[in-house]
PDB file of N, CA and C in Angstrom:
ATOM      1  N   UNK A   1     106.848 114.874  99.069  1.00  0.00           N
ATOM      2  CA  UNK A   1     107.069 115.018 100.751  1.00  0.00           C
ATOM      3  C   UNK A   1     106.888 113.722 101.354  1.00  0.00           C
ATOM      4  N   UNK A   2     107.608 113.510 102.240  1.00  0.00           N
ATOM      5  CA  UNK A   2     107.805 112.649 103.489  1.00  0.00           C
ATOM      6  C   UNK A   2     107.075 113.117 104.683  1.00  0.00           C
ATOM      7  N   UNK A   3     106.017 112.308 105.048  1.00  0.00           N
ATOM      8  CA  UNK A   3     105.188 112.478 106.167  1.00  0.00           C
ATOM      9  C   UNK A   3     105.385 111.456 107.165  1.00  0.00           C
ATOM     10  N   UNK A   4     105.672 111.859 108.672  1.00  0.00           N
ATOM     11  CA  UNK A   4     105.721 110.778 109.764  1.00  0.00           C
ATOM     12  C   UNK A   4     104.815 111.216 110.984  1.00  0.00           C
ATOM     13  N   UNK A   5     104.451 110.034 111.590  1.00  0.00           N
ATOM     14  CA  UNK A   5     103.546 110.188 112.925  1.00  0.00           C
ATOM     15  C   UNK A   5     104.874 109.378 113.952  1.00  0.00           C
ATOM     16  N   UNK A   6     104.954 110.309 115.031  1.00  0.00           N
ATOM     17  CA  UNK A   6     105.783 110.252 116.021  1.00  0.00           C
ATOM     18  C   UNK A   6     105.179 110.031 117.473  1.00  0.00           C
ATOM     19  N   UNK A   7     105.555 109.229 118.312  1.00  0.00           N
ATOM     20  CA  UNK A   7     105.070 109.068 119.638  1.00  0.00           C
ATOM     21  C   UNK A   7     106.652 108.832 120.436  1.00  0.00           C
ATOM     22  N   UNK A   8     106.662 109.533 121.360  1.00  0.00           N
ATOM     23  CA  UNK A   8     108.075 109.662 122.211  1.00  0.00           C
ATOM     24  C   UNK A   8     107.580 109.344 123.611  1.00  0.00           C
ATOM     25  N   UNK A   9     108.668 108.688 124.140  1.00  0.00           N
ATOM     26  CA  UNK A   9     108.402 108.565 125.791  1.00  0.00           C
ATOM     27  C   UNK A   9     107.169 107.897 126.223  1.00  0.00           C
ATOM     28  N   UNK A  10     106.809 106.868 125.402  1.00  0.00           N
ATOM     29  CA  UNK A  10     105.733 105.821 126.110  1.00  0.00           C
ATOM     30  C   UNK A  10     106.484 105.068 127.047  1.00  0.00           C
ATOM     31  N   UNK A  11     105.579 105.219 128.256  1.00  0.00           N
ATOM     32  CA  UNK A  11     106.214 104.616 129.420  1.00  0.00           C
ATOM     33  C   UNK A  11     105.199 103.543 129.637  1.00  0.00           C
ATOM     34  N   UNK A  12     105.831 102.221 130.180  1.00  0.00           N
ATOM     35  CA  UNK A  12     104.946 101.181 130.501  1.00  0.00           C
ATOM     36  C   UNK A  12     105.950 100.085 131.231  1.00  0.00           C
ATOM     37  N   UNK A  13     105.190  99.406 132.186  1.00  0.00           N
ATOM     38  CA  UNK A  13     105.842  98.452 133.071  1.00  0.00           C
ATOM     39  C   UNK A  13     105.477  97.299 132.471  1.00  0.00           C
ATOM     40  N   UNK A  14     106.551  96.209 132.229  1.00  0.00           N
ATOM     41  CA  UNK A  14     106.342  94.946 131.366  1.00  0.00           C
ATOM     42  C   UNK A  14     107.196  94.243 131.965  1.00  0.00           C
ATOM     43  N   UNK A  15     107.164  92.731 131.419  1.00  0.00           N
ATOM     44  CA  UNK A  15     107.734  91.585 132.007  1.00  0.00           C
ATOM     45  C   UNK A  15     108.651  90.984 130.952  1.00  0.00           C
ATOM     46  N   UNK A  16     109.425  91.448 130.391  1.00  0.00           N
ATOM     47  CA  UNK A  16     110.544  91.095 129.279  1.00  0.00           C
ATOM     48  C   UNK A  16     111.929  90.511 130.095  1.00  0.00           C
ATOM     49  N   UNK A  17     112.594  89.660 129.555  1.00  0.00           N
ATOM     50  CA  UNK A  17     114.008  89.390 130.043  1.00  0.00           C
ATOM     51  C   UNK A  17     114.314  87.862 129.821  1.00  0.00           C
ATOM     52  N   UNK A  18     115.690  87.707 129.846  1.00  0.00           N
ATOM     53  CA  UNK A  18     116.229  86.318 129.743  1.00  0.00           C
ATOM     54  C   UNK A  18     116.103  85.469 130.786  1.00  0.00           C
ATOM     55  N   UNK A  19     116.232  86.302 132.020  1.00  0.00           N
ATOM     56  CA  UNK A  19     116.366  85.739 133.309  1.00  0.00           C
ATOM     57  C   UNK A  19     114.621  85.475 133.816  1.00  0.00           C
ATOM     58  N   UNK A  20     114.562  84.406 134.575  1.00  0.00           N
ATOM     59  CA  UNK A  20     112.939  84.373 135.048  1.00  0.00           C
ATOM     60  C   UNK A  20     112.380  85.290 135.965  1.00  0.00           C
ATOM     61  N   UNK A  21     113.415  85.883 136.628  1.00  0.00           N
ATOM     62  CA  UNK A  21     113.270  86.764 137.543  1.00  0.00           C
ATOM     63  C   UNK A  21     112.585  88.101 136.874  1.00  0.00           C
ATOM     64  N   UNK A  22     113.356  88.595 135.853  1.00  0.00           N
ATOM     65  CA  UNK A  22     112.876  89.543 135.090  1.00  0.00           C
ATOM     66  C   UNK A  22     111.500  89.494 134.655  1.00  0.00           C
ATOM     67  N   UNK A  23     111.172  88.377 134.203  1.00  0.00           N
ATOM     68  CA  UNK A  23     109.579  87.862 133.633  1.00  0.00           C
ATOM     69  C   UNK A  23     108.639  87.987 134.857  1.00  0.00           C
ATOM     70  N   UNK A  24     109.187  87.763 135.913  1.00  0.00           N
ATOM     71  CA  UNK A  24     108.268  87.675 137.049  1.00  0.00           C
ATOM     72  C   UNK A  24     108.012  88.912 137.664  1.00  0.00           C
ATOM     73  N   UNK A  25     109.134  89.698 137.977  1.00  0.00           N
ATOM     74  CA  UNK A  25     109.283  90.755 138.810  1.00  0.00           C
ATOM     75  C   UNK A  25     108.865  92.160 137.820  1.00  0.00           C
ATOM     76  N   UNK A  26     109.351  92.019 136.525  1.00  0.00           N
ATOM     77  CA  UNK A  26     108.938  93.467 135.835  1.00  0.00           C
ATOM     78  C   UNK A  26     109.908  94.266 135.788  1.00  0.00           C
ATOM     79  N   UNK A  27     109.768  95.509 134.675  1.00  0.00           N
ATOM     80  CA  UNK A  27     110.872  96.609 134.654  1.00  0.00           C
ATOM     81  C   UNK A  27     110.030  97.580 134.025  1.00  0.00           C
ATOM     82  N   UNK A  28     110.552  98.940 134.316  1.00  0.00           N
ATOM     83  CA  UNK A  28     110.125  99.940 133.528  1.00  0.00           C
ATOM     84  C   UNK A  28     110.525  99.953 132.058  1.00  0.00           C
ATOM     85  N   UNK A  29     109.782 100.386 131.052  1.00  0.00           N
ATOM     86  CA  UNK A  29     110.317 100.613 129.775  1.00  0.00           C
ATOM     87  C   UNK A  29     109.825 102.025 129.284  1.00  0.00           C
ATOM     88  N   UNK A  30     110.561 102.237 128.045  1.00  0.00           N
ATOM     89  CA  UNK A  30     110.336 103.512 127.242  1.00  0.00           C
ATOM     90  C   UNK A  30     110.263 103.193 125.946  1.00  0.00           C
ATOM     91  N   UNK A  31     109.351 103.628 125.299  1.00  0.00           N
ATOM     92  CA  UNK A  31     109.386 103.110 123.825  1.00  0.00           C
ATOM     93  C   UNK A  31     109.246 104.522 123.015  1.00  0.00           C
ATOM     94  N   UNK A  32     110.103 104.524 121.701  1.00  0.00           N
ATOM     95  CA  UNK A  32     109.881 105.627 120.705  1.00  0.00           C
ATOM     96  C   UNK A  32     109.689 104.781 119.587  1.00  0.00           C
ATOM     97  N   UNK A  33     108.695 105.877 118.648  1.00  0.00           N
ATOM     98  CA  UNK A  33     108.414 105.235 117.374  1.00  0.00           C
ATOM     99  C   UNK A  33     108.151 106.564 116.675  1.00  0.00           C
ATOM    100  N   UNK A  34     108.834 106.070 115.203  1.00  0.00           N
ATOM    101  CA  UNK A  34     108.431 107.138 114.284  1.00  0.00           C
ATOM    102  C   UNK A  34     108.154 106.333 113.005  1.00  0.00           C
ATOM    103  N   UNK A  35     107.025 106.489 112.445  1.00  0.00           N
ATOM    104  CA  UNK A  35     106.274 105.839 111.402  1.00  0.00           C
ATOM    105  C   UNK A  35     106.224 106.667 110.190  1.00  0.00           C
ATOM    106  N   UNK A  36     106.590 106.242 109.094  1.00  0.00           N
ATOM    107  CA  UNK A  36     106.648 106.861 107.756  1.00  0.00           C
ATOM    108  C   UNK A  36     105.131 106.828 107.100  1.00  0.00           C
ATOM    109  N   UNK A  37     104.195 107.680 107.066  1.00  0.00           N
ATOM    110  CA  UNK A  37     103.171 107.453 106.654  1.00  0.00           C
ATOM    111  C   UNK A  37     102.564 108.527 105.796  1.00  0.00           C
ATOM    112  N   UNK A  38     101.723 108.155 104.733  1.00  0.00           N
ATOM    113  CA  UNK A  38     101.510 109.127 103.706  1.00  0.00           C
ATOM    114  C   UNK A  38     100.407 109.824 104.161  1.00  0.00           C
ATOM    115  N   UNK A  39     100.498 111.038 105.062  1.00  0.00           N
ATOM    116  CA  UNK A  39      99.088 111.704 105.363  1.00  0.00           C
ATOM    117  C   UNK A  39      98.902 113.111 104.702  1.00  0.00           C
ATOM    118  N   UNK A  40      99.641 113.337 103.410  1.00  0.00           N
ATOM    119  CA  UNK A  40      99.494 114.552 102.983  1.00  0.00           C
ATOM    120  C   UNK A  40      97.739 114.899 102.481  1.00  0.00           C
ATOM    121  N   UNK A  41      97.078 113.829 102.299  1.00  0.00           N
ATOM    122  CA  UNK A  41      95.682 114.127 102.261  1.00  0.00           C
ATOM    123  C   UNK A  41      95.033 114.848 103.166  1.00  0.00           C
ATOM    124  N   UNK A  42      95.575 114.430 104.478  1.00  0.00           N
ATOM    125  CA  UNK A  42      94.954 114.790 105.784  1.00  0.00           C
ATOM    126  C   UNK A  42      95.062 116.218 105.930  1.00  0.00           C
ATOM    127  N   UNK A  43      96.244 116.667 105.380  1.00  0.00           N
ATOM    128  CA  UNK A  43      96.868 117.974 105.673  1.00  0.00           C
ATOM    129  C   UNK A  43      95.503 119.173 104.832  1.00  0.00           C
ATOM    130  N   UNK A  44      95.309 118.499 103.823  1.00  0.00           N
ATOM    131  CA  UNK A  44      94.323 119.084 102.963  1.00  0.00           C
ATOM    132  C   UNK A  44      92.626 119.117 103.688  1.00  0.00           C
ATOM    133  N   UNK A  45      92.227 117.817 103.869  1.00  0.00           N
ATOM    134  CA  UNK A  45      90.973 117.404 104.430  1.00  0.00           C
ATOM    135  C   UNK A  45      90.210 117.627 105.736  1.00  0.00           C
ATOM    136  N   UNK A  46      91.449 117.475 106.610  1.00  0.00           N
ATOM    137  CA  UNK A  46      91.206 117.576 108.030  1.00  0.00           C
ATOM    138  C   UNK A  46      90.423 116.474 108.451  1.00  0.00           C
ATOM    139  N   UNK A  47      90.582 115.200 107.927  1.00  0.00           N
ATOM    140  CA  UNK A  47      90.026 113.965 108.080  1.00  0.00           C
ATOM    141  C   UNK A  47      90.678 113.114 108.820  1.00  0.00           C
ATOM    142  N   UNK A  48      90.405 112.353 109.908  1.00  0.00           N
ATOM    143  CA  UNK A  48      91.097 111.605 110.272  1.00  0.00           C
ATOM    144  C   UNK A  48      91.392 110.097 109.592  1.00  0.00           C
ATOM    145  N   UNK A  49      90.328 109.986 108.577  1.00  0.00           N
ATOM    146  CA  UNK A  49      90.591 108.666 107.785  1.00  0.00           C
ATOM    147  C   UNK A  49      91.555 108.852 106.741  1.00  0.00           C
ATOM    148  N   UNK A  50      92.153 110.113 106.638  1.00  0.00           N
ATOM    149  CA  UNK A  50      93.258 110.178 105.770  1.00  0.00           C
ATOM    150  C   UNK A  50      94.697 110.197 106.124  1.00  0.00           C
ATOM    151  N   UNK A  51      94.691 109.736 107.724  1.00  0.00           N
ATOM    152  CA  UNK A  51      96.054 109.745 108.314  1.00  0.00           C
ATOM    153  C   UNK A  51      95.990 108.496 109.257  1.00  0.00           C
ATOM    154  N   UNK A  52      97.166 108.394 109.928  1.00  0.00           N
ATOM    155  CA  UNK A  52      97.260 107.159 111.220  1.00  0.00           C
ATOM    156  C   UNK A  52      96.732 107.681 112.285  1.00  0.00           C
ATOM    157  N   UNK A  53      95.966 106.936 112.947  1.00  0.00           N
ATOM    158  CA  UNK A  53      95.350 107.351 114.323  1.00  0.00           C
ATOM    159  C   UNK A  53      96.446 106.984 115.121  1.00  0.00           C
ATOM    160  N   UNK A  54      97.160 107.809 115.681  1.00  0.00           N
ATOM    161  CA  UNK A  54      98.141 107.700 116.663  1.00  0.00           C
ATOM    162  C   UNK A  54      97.767 107.134 117.883  1.00  0.00           C
ATOM    163  N   UNK A  55      96.343 107.283 118.281  1.00  0.00           N
ATOM    164  CA  UNK A  55      96.203 106.772 119.575  1.00  0.00           C
ATOM    165  C   UNK A  55      95.779 104.800 119.435  1.00  0.00           C
ATOM    166  N   UNK A  56      95.708 104.740 118.091  1.00  0.00           N
ATOM    167  CA  UNK A  56      95.421 103.115 117.843  1.00  0.00           C
ATOM    168  C   UNK A  56      96.949 102.856 117.538  1.00  0.00           C
ATOM    169  N   UNK A  57      97.946 103.454 117.368  1.00  0.00           N
ATOM    170  CA  UNK A  57      99.212 103.095 117.209  1.00  0.00           C
ATOM    171  C   UNK A  57      99.923 102.908 118.629  1.00  0.00           C
ATOM    172  N   UNK A  58      99.526 103.709 119.315  1.00  0.00           N
ATOM    173  CA  UNK A  58      99.826 103.726 120.860  1.00  0.00           C
ATOM    174  C   UNK A  58      99.053 102.392 121.480  1.00  0.00           C
ATOM    175  N   UNK A  59      98.065 101.968 121.269  1.00  0.00           N
ATOM    176  CA  UNK A  59      97.354 100.740 121.418  1.00  0.00           C
ATOM    177  C   UNK A  59      97.943  99.543 121.221  1.00  0.00           C
ATOM    178  N   UNK A  60      98.253  99.566 120.084  1.00  0.00           N
ATOM    179  CA  UNK A  60      99.289  98.404 119.556  1.00  0.00           C
ATOM    180  C   UNK A  60     100.361  98.373 120.273  1.00  0.00           C
ATOM    181  N   UNK A  61     101.310  99.281 120.509  1.00  0.00           N
ATOM    182  CA  UNK A  61     102.430  99.216 121.241  1.00  0.00           C
ATOM    183  C   UNK A  61     102.196  98.755 122.678  1.00  0.00           C
ATOM    184  N   UNK A  62     101.057  99.160 123.278  1.00  0.00           N
ATOM    185  CA  UNK A  62     100.845  99.008 124.635  1.00  0.00           C
ATOM    186  C   UNK A  62     100.497  97.230 124.809  1.00  0.00           C
ATOM    187  N   UNK A  63      99.719  96.900 123.903  1.00  0.00           N
ATOM    188  CA  UNK A  63      99.137  95.812 123.696  1.00  0.00           C
ATOM    189  C   UNK A  63     100.177  94.467 123.676  1.00  0.00           C
ATOM    190  N   UNK A  64     101.375  94.871 122.877  1.00  0.00           N
ATOM    191  CA  UNK A  64     102.455  94.000 122.657  1.00  0.00           C
ATOM    192  C   UNK A  64     103.415  93.978 123.609  1.00  0.00           C
ATOM    193  N   UNK A  65     103.439  95.075 124.344  1.00  0.00           N
ATOM    194  CA  UNK A  65     104.504  95.130 125.475  1.00  0.00           C
ATOM    195  C   UNK A  65     103.646  94.453 126.575  1.00  0.00           C
ATOM    196  N   UNK A  66     102.308  94.017 126.534  1.00  0.00           N
ATOM    197  CA  UNK A  66     101.957  93.378 127.836  1.00  0.00           C
ATOM    198  C   UNK A  66     102.302  92.054 127.641  1.00  0.00           C
ATOM    199  N   UNK A  67     102.654  91.389 126.391  1.00  0.00           N
ATOM    200  CA  UNK A  67     102.975  90.036 126.126  1.00  0.00           C
ATOM    201  C   UNK A  67     104.412  89.833 126.516  1.00  0.00           C
ATOM    202  N   UNK A  68     104.536  88.952 127.640  1.00  0.00           N
ATOM    203  CA  UNK A  68     106.189  88.714 128.088  1.00  0.00           C
ATOM    204  C   UNK A  68     106.759  88.093 126.820  1.00  0.00           C
ATOM    205  N   UNK A  69     108.317  88.446 126.973  1.00  0.00           N
ATOM    206  CA  UNK A  69     109.017  87.787 125.991  1.00  0.00           C
ATOM    207  C   UNK A  69     110.672  87.900 126.525  1.00  0.00           C
ATOM    208  N   UNK A  70     111.304  86.882 126.275  1.00  0.00           N
ATOM    209  CA  UNK A  70     112.783  86.742 126.831  1.00  0.00           C
ATOM    210  C   UNK A  70     113.735  88.125 126.222  1.00  0.00           C
ATOM    211  N   UNK A  71     113.311  88.103 124.844  1.00  0.00           N
ATOM    212  CA  UNK A  71     114.119  89.223 124.146  1.00  0.00           C
ATOM    213  C   UNK A  71     113.510  90.444 123.633  1.00  0.00           C
ATOM    214  N   UNK A  72     113.902  91.751 123.703  1.00  0.00           N
ATOM    215  CA  UNK A  72     113.281  93.108 123.546  1.00  0.00           C
ATOM    216  C   UNK A  72     113.250  92.730 121.837  1.00  0.00           C
ATOM    217  N   UNK A  73     114.235  92.076 121.131  1.00  0.00           N
ATOM    218  CA  UNK A  73     114.074  92.113 119.987  1.00  0.00           C
ATOM    219  C   UNK A  73     112.805  91.401 119.198  1.00  0.00           C
ATOM    220  N   UNK A  74     112.488  90.369 120.071  1.00  0.00           N
ATOM    221  CA  UNK A  74     111.147  89.802 119.837  1.00  0.00           C
ATOM    222  C   UNK A  74     109.982  90.706 120.022  1.00  0.00           C
ATOM    223  N   UNK A  75     109.924  91.376 121.084  1.00  0.00           N
ATOM    224  CA  UNK A  75     108.961  92.206 121.145  1.00  0.00           C
ATOM    225  C   UNK A  75     108.833  93.409 120.145  1.00  0.00           C
ATOM    226  N   UNK A  76     110.013  94.006 119.522  1.00  0.00           N
ATOM    227  CA  UNK A  76     110.019  94.816 118.528  1.00  0.00           C
ATOM    228  C   UNK A  76     109.432  94.130 117.377  1.00  0.00           C
ATOM    229  N   UNK A  77     109.886  92.852 117.168  1.00  0.00           N
ATOM    230  CA  UNK A  77     109.515  92.304 115.795  1.00  0.00           C
ATOM    231  C   UNK A  77     107.781  92.081 116.050  1.00  0.00           C
ATOM    232  N   UNK A  78     107.307  91.993 116.998  1.00  0.00           N
ATOM    233  CA  UNK A  78     105.706  91.705 117.303  1.00  0.00           C
ATOM    234  C   UNK A  78     105.182  93.080 116.902  1.00  0.00           C
ATOM    235  N   UNK A  79     105.874  94.181 117.455  1.00  0.00           N
ATOM    236  CA  UNK A  79     105.035  95.532 117.420  1.00  0.00           C
ATOM    237  C   UNK A  79     105.208  96.026 115.840  1.00  0.00           C
ATOM    238  N   UNK A  80     106.254  95.699 115.033  1.00  0.00           N
ATOM    239  CA  UNK A  80     106.203  96.143 113.883  1.00  0.00           C
ATOM    240  C   UNK A  80     105.336  95.231 112.903  1.00  0.00           C
ATOM    241  N   UNK A  81     105.147  93.999 113.312  1.00  0.00           N
ATOM    242  CA  UNK A  81     104.198  93.258 112.667  1.00  0.00           C
ATOM    243  C   UNK A  81     102.908  93.682 112.565  1.00  0.00           C
ATOM    244  N   UNK A  82     102.689  93.924 113.832  1.00  0.00           N
ATOM    245  CA  UNK A  82     101.332  94.335 114.309  1.00  0.00           C
ATOM    246  C   UNK A  82     100.975  95.746 113.759  1.00  0.00           C
ATOM    247  N   UNK A  83     101.678  96.603 113.799  1.00  0.00           N
ATOM    248  CA  UNK A  83     101.824  97.887 112.895  1.00  0.00           C
ATOM    249  C   UNK A  83     101.408  97.729 111.203  1.00  0.00           C
ATOM    250  N   UNK A  84     102.336  96.895 110.921  1.00  0.00           N
ATOM    251  CA  UNK A  84     102.077  96.636 109.448  1.00  0.00           C
ATOM    252  C   UNK A  84     100.755  96.058 108.897  1.00  0.00           C
ATOM    253  N   UNK A  85     100.277  95.279 109.871  1.00  0.00           N
ATOM    254  CA  UNK A  85      99.009  94.463 109.744  1.00  0.00           C
ATOM    255  C   UNK A  85      97.755  95.615 109.990  1.00  0.00           C
ATOM    256  N   UNK A  86      97.970  96.350 110.824  1.00  0.00           N
ATOM    257  CA  UNK A  86      96.852  97.372 111.149  1.00  0.00           C
ATOM    258  C   UNK A  86      96.785  98.507 110.236  1.00  0.00           C
ATOM    259  N   UNK A  87      98.020  98.910 109.722  1.00  0.00           N
ATOM    260  CA  UNK A  87      98.177 100.211 108.666  1.00  0.00           C
ATOM    261  C   UNK A  87      98.946  99.876 107.646  1.00  0.00           C
ATOM    262  N   UNK A  88      98.136  99.146 106.440  1.00  0.00           N
ATOM    263  CA  UNK A  88      99.011  98.887 105.491  1.00  0.00           C
ATOM    264  C   UNK A  88      99.758  99.833 104.510  1.00  0.00           C
ATOM    265  N   UNK A  89      99.459 101.181 104.951  1.00  0.00           N
ATOM    266  CA  UNK A  89     100.042 102.157 104.129  1.00  0.00           C
ATOM    267  C   UNK A  89     101.467 102.484 104.587  1.00  0.00           C
ATOM    268  N   UNK A  90     101.678 102.005 105.820  1.00  0.00           N
ATOM    269  CA  UNK A  90     103.025 102.203 106.512  1.00  0.00           C
ATOM    270  C   UNK A  90     104.263 102.138 105.591  1.00  0.00           C
ATOM    271  N   UNK A  91     105.000 103.091 105.452  1.00  0.00           N
ATOM    272  CA  UNK A  91     106.031 102.696 104.155  1.00  0.00           C
ATOM    273  C   UNK A  91     107.611 102.474 105.307  1.00  0.00           C
ATOM    274  N   UNK A  92     107.632 102.438 106.639  1.00  0.00           N
ATOM    275  CA  UNK A  92     108.663 102.217 107.282  1.00  0.00           C
ATOM    276  C   UNK A  92     108.560 102.936 108.754  1.00  0.00           C
ATOM    277  N   UNK A  93     109.706 102.932 109.469  1.00  0.00           N
ATOM    278  CA  UNK A  93     109.990 103.575 110.594  1.00  0.00           C
ATOM    279  C   UNK A  93     111.374 103.143 111.310  1.00  0.00           C
ATOM    280  N   UNK A  94     110.965 103.814 112.704  1.00  0.00           N
ATOM    281  CA  UNK A  94     111.969 103.442 113.591  1.00  0.00           C
ATOM    282  C   UNK A  94     111.261 103.406 114.884  1.00  0.00           C
ATOM    283  N   UNK A  95     112.006 102.075 115.452  1.00  0.00           N
ATOM    284  CA  UNK A  95     111.140 101.602 116.840  1.00  0.00           C
ATOM    285  C   UNK A  95     112.467 101.527 117.739  1.00  0.00           C
ATOM    286  N   UNK A  96     112.373 102.071 118.946  1.00  0.00           N
ATOM    287  CA  UNK A  96     113.155 101.978 119.851  1.00  0.00           C
ATOM    288  C   UNK A  96     112.558 101.507 121.422  1.00  0.00           C
ATOM    289  N   UNK A  97     113.132 100.423 121.873  1.00  0.00           N
ATOM    290  CA  UNK A  97     112.341  99.912 123.151  1.00  0.00           C
ATOM    291  C   UNK A  97     113.695  99.740 124.129  1.00  0.00           C
ATOM    292  N   UNK A  98     113.504 100.720 125.165  1.00  0.00           N
ATOM    293  CA  UNK A  98     114.803 100.692 126.319  1.00  0.00           C
ATOM    294  C   UNK A  98     114.184 100.185 127.811  1.00  0.00           C
ATOM    295  N   UNK A  99     115.002  99.108 127.954  1.00  0.00           N
ATOM    296  CA  UNK A  99     114.679  98.825 129.482  1.00  0.00           C
ATOM    297  C   UNK A  99     115.361  99.590 130.445  1.00  0.00           C
ATOM    298  N   UNK A 100     114.854 100.429 131.395  1.00  0.00           N
ATOM    299  CA  UNK A 100     115.369 101.251 132.262  1.00  0.00           C
ATOM    300  C   UNK A 100     116.059 101.007 133.093  1.00  0.00           C
ATOM    301  N   UNK A 101     116.070  99.658 133.980  1.00  0.00           N
ATOM    302  CA  UNK A 101     116.791  99.243 134.883  1.00  0.00           C
ATOM    303  C   UNK A 101     117.431  97.695 134.455  1.00  0.00           C
ATOM    304  N   UNK A 102     118.202  97.630 133.530  1.00  0.00           N
ATOM    305  CA  UNK A 102     118.599  96.363 133.086  1.00  0.00           C
ATOM    306  C   UNK A 102     119.439  95.664 134.130  1.00  0.00           C
ATOM    307  N   UNK A 103     119.640  94.344 134.106  1.00  0.00           N
ATOM    308  CA  UNK A 103     120.373  93.531 135.201  1.00  0.00           C
ATOM    309  C   UNK A 103     121.558  93.527 134.976  1.00  0.00           C
ATOM    310  N   UNK A 104     122.257  94.615 134.859  1.00  0.00           N
ATOM    311  CA  UNK A 104     123.878  94.691 134.677  1.00  0.00           C
ATOM    312  C   UNK A 104     124.350  95.253 135.740  1.00  0.00           C
ATOM    313  N   UNK A 105     125.536  95.001 136.243  1.00  0.00           N
ATOM    314  CA  UNK A 105     126.135  95.374 137.335  1.00  0.00           C
ATOM    315  C   UNK A 105     127.130  96.872 136.909  1.00  0.00           C
ATOM    316  N   UNK A 106     126.620  97.728 137.280  1.00  0.00           N
ATOM    317  CA  UNK A 106     127.333  98.884 136.893  1.00  0.00           C
ATOM    318  C   UNK A 106     126.115 100.134 136.827  1.00  0.00           C
ATOM    319  N   UNK A 107     126.773 101.165 136.694  1.00  0.00           N
ATOM    320  CA  UNK A 107     126.289 102.539 136.558  1.00  0.00           C
ATOM    321  C   UNK A 107     125.311 102.697 134.773  1.00  0.00           C
ATOM    322  N   UNK A 108     124.179 102.542 134.869  1.00  0.00           N
ATOM    323  CA  UNK A 108     123.691 102.360 133.478  1.00  0.00           C
ATOM    324  C   UNK A 108     122.452 103.015 133.633  1.00  0.00           C
ATOM    325  N   UNK A 109     122.016 103.822 132.631  1.00  0.00           N
ATOM    326  CA  UNK A 109     120.512 104.331 132.437  1.00  0.00           C
ATOM    327  C   UNK A 109     119.723 103.391 131.818  1.00  0.00           C
ATOM    328  N   UNK A 110     119.758 102.820 130.978  1.00  0.00           N
ATOM    329  CA  UNK A 110     119.335 101.682 130.413  1.00  0.00           C
ATOM    330  C   UNK A 110     119.739 100.825 129.159  1.00  0.00           C
ATOM    331  N   UNK A 111     118.974 100.066 128.697  1.00  0.00           N
ATOM    332  CA  UNK A 111     119.574  99.066 127.568  1.00  0.00           C
ATOM    333  C   UNK A 111     118.576  99.160 126.335  1.00  0.00           C
ATOM    334  N   UNK A 112     118.692  99.544 125.222  1.00  0.00           N
ATOM    335  CA  UNK A 112     117.737  99.572 124.168  1.00  0.00           C
ATOM    336  C   UNK A 112     117.834  98.725 123.042  1.00  0.00           C
ATOM    337  N   UNK A 113     117.057  98.176 122.134  1.00  0.00           N
ATOM    338  CA  UNK A 113     116.889  97.778 120.846  1.00  0.00           C
ATOM    339  C   UNK A 113     116.327  98.792 120.027  1.00  0.00           C
ATOM    340  N   UNK A 114     116.717  98.985 118.972  1.00  0.00           N
ATOM    341  CA  UNK A 114     116.440  99.898 118.063  1.00  0.00           C
ATOM    342  C   UNK A 114     116.447  99.118 116.424  1.00  0.00           C
ATOM    343  N   UNK A 115     115.118  99.542 115.886  1.00  0.00           N
ATOM    344  CA  UNK A 115     114.807  98.927 114.643  1.00  0.00           C
ATOM    345  C   UNK A 115     114.664  99.927 113.755  1.00  0.00           C
ATOM    346  N   UNK A 116     115.189  99.982 112.550  1.00  0.00           N
ATOM    347  CA  UNK A 116     114.985 100.917 111.316  1.00  0.00           C
ATOM    348  C   UNK A 116     114.273 100.122 110.088  1.00  0.00           C
ATOM    349  N   UNK A 117     112.887 100.152 110.019  1.00  0.00           N
ATOM    350  CA  UNK A 117     112.525  99.342 109.009  1.00  0.00           C
ATOM    351  C   UNK A 117     111.832 100.252 107.695  1.00  0.00           C
TER     352      UNK A 117
END
């Protein structure tokens, strides 16, 4: 059986971007994460110790988003490394980070990086 923890539409304001102004002014971001985690024992025991605490997962993402980076790819890499460090039983996942108002001339809803690991 495959089991996953998923957090959708995590919203935050952060200071990432290649241009200095992006890192000074900031932007709205939306994050999605789906983590493969073996929590079948929690399905039987009803014990938090047998699963991944999604509040702790949220805090990792929020903490890493607070650190300015030039590239969203770099932010994604930091988030994944921090998750793997905190939760060694994680078997992989999907992470999407979307900048809601990228500095692109034209009508665009957002720009994203997506990593499946």
